[in-house]
Amino acid sequence: MRWKLFGRKVEQSPPEASDSTFEATTVEDLPPGLAEALAAHGAAPVAGPGDAGDAGIHANNIIGHVGRYALKSVLGEGGLGTVYAAWDPLLSRPVAVKTLHLHLHLEAGKTEALDSMILNEARAAARLSHPHIVTVFDAGPSEQGIYIAMEPLRGRDLRHLLQEGWRPTPVEVAHLVRRVADALAYAHGKGVVHCDIKPANIFMVGRKQPKVLDFGIARVTQRDGSTVEGPVAGSPYYLAPEQVVGGPIDRRVDVYSLGVVMYELLTGQRAFTGATVDDITRAVLQDPTPVARKANPKVPAGLSAIARRAMARAPEERLASARHLASELRHWLDSQEAQALGEPPSQRRGRWAALLGVALTAGAVTAVWMNARSRTATDTPLQAAAPAASSALLEASAPLATANAGGLATDERWADTPATSASGPATLKTDAEPPASSEKQAAKDKDKDKARDAAATARTDKERRKAEAKDKKTRDDATAADRPAVPVATGTVQLAISPWGEVEVDGKPAGTAPPLTRLTLPAGRHTITVRNGDFPAYVRNVEVDPDHPLQVKHRFGP
């Protein structure tokens, strides 16, 4: 029997004395009596075998033991269990220990199955080594239930930061979500799907370094992309529609949930709301996908579009993977829209002032050029017909000058066209130059006709050659289509990336290394880019040769 483990939220306030919440996943709508049993268990002193036996902590500070770990204080509580600040006497280091006690209200047979499942998932989480995933040191059974020992963190989870009024800028949101997407892409490459991404499971060390918590309910999937059945737990505000209905799930549920978190970060409000759990799930399944830019017009259009694609209700319409989401955010961060937002106001004012100066200079140059051209075109008829025009003739040409000043087009035809007044044609005559003879005018017209005929012939020849070239291309394409396809020569590029990296080939995502260890590429020149979180990207240009395999090696960090 499967419990429906989401519904009414169980609020737990962290101790004020602790600087770290490190809260466990909150499970909703626990079976009858289980919430009371968990509350009673959490209120009781924790006792366990063993001795502190280490000078790192004083015996008076110990409130109990779980396995070999000495418990010092409670950091946070939730429906799944309790998180303690603890000390590892074997390795002399501080740790955070999470105890899971769902077994308190389950039958004996189901307890063993649940413990086995959680241990398997803890082992899967322990395989993950990523700067934006909390490190799991150890896991095992104890009298208090399954425990998981993790690295200790100082900070606040994203849920509490938002409740306290923190509002990141769009650029900060893009960086934060990109880092979480990188972490999820890495986990997906290891076959681990989180299934419960939400603000409470994103721990913030400072304001820039997120750590994904609680892979304890993660599902381990096969690398061939197979799916698994239904949800175990989670908050209905962030569950993907396929999780809500208990359908098959894959890595895209994490993309959806992270998209919902991104929407909340951008707008300061939840994507879906409701007075009851049924109202929330109905909104998730039926309401139109919300648009961040409509909720908050200050949200950049590009960032709003990325969030909407991540939140698409149908998995096939969603961004295909966390790696694609991270790539989209990187490209946005490199865009002019993001760079403008990322500049200090003083720099933006200076840049716009410089652009305005350039625009004004260009405008002034254009105005001078247009004015000079206008004067030249306007003066040409007068110079050709009346080099010594009287004041009366200048008045006759005034309509032409006025027309040009108003912006009407002029060209060489004005040189041979008599100026016209508003009342009709006006012939320019002066005492200094007699009218041109009819023979000269006829010769002039004949030359112009020849020039026009030559231009028309040239245009006709050009169009004919263009049509012939198009026909030839059509014939060549048809001939090429009839030929059998020639195999494209390919070569191999071996990858040796440590500890991991997101690989792009010619700007397109290719996978995560490891497990990706080899690329098969068409012969020729390619650009291989490898990214790892906040480290500078490693870029290498390679010439792929089918007969000579290449190797790309790089290590991020020391």
Foldseek 3Di string as FASTA:
>chain_A
DADQWEWDWDDWDWDPVAQEQLEAAATHDDPPPLVVVQVVVVPDQEEFDDDLPAPLDDRVQFRYDWVQKTFRAWRYYHSQFTKTFIARRVVGDIWIKTFGASVPPDDPVVLVVLLVLLVVLLVLQCVADAQQAWHWDDWDAGPRGIMTITHDAGHYFQVVCLVVPDADDLLLLLLQLLLVLLSLQRSVLSQKAQQEDDRRQWTDRDSRRTYGDDSSQIDGHDNVFDWDWEGRGYYLLQFALCNVVGHTDGQLRVLQSSLQRSLCSLQVDGQADDPTSVRRSCCNQPPPRDFSCVSPVVNDPLSSVLSSQSNDNDSVSHQVGSLSSSLSSVVVCVDPVNVLVPDDPVVNVVVVVVVVVVVVVVVVVVVVVLVVVLVCQLCLCCVLAPVPDDPVVVVQSVVSSVVSVVPDDGDPVSNVDAHADPVGGDHDDDPVDHDDDPVVVVVVVVVVVVVVVVVVVVVVVVVVVVVVVVVVVVVVVVVVVPDDDDDFQKAKEFEAEPPKWFKDKQSHTDGMPVVDTMDIGGAAKIKIWTDRRPFDIDIDIDGGDRVDYHYDYDYPDD
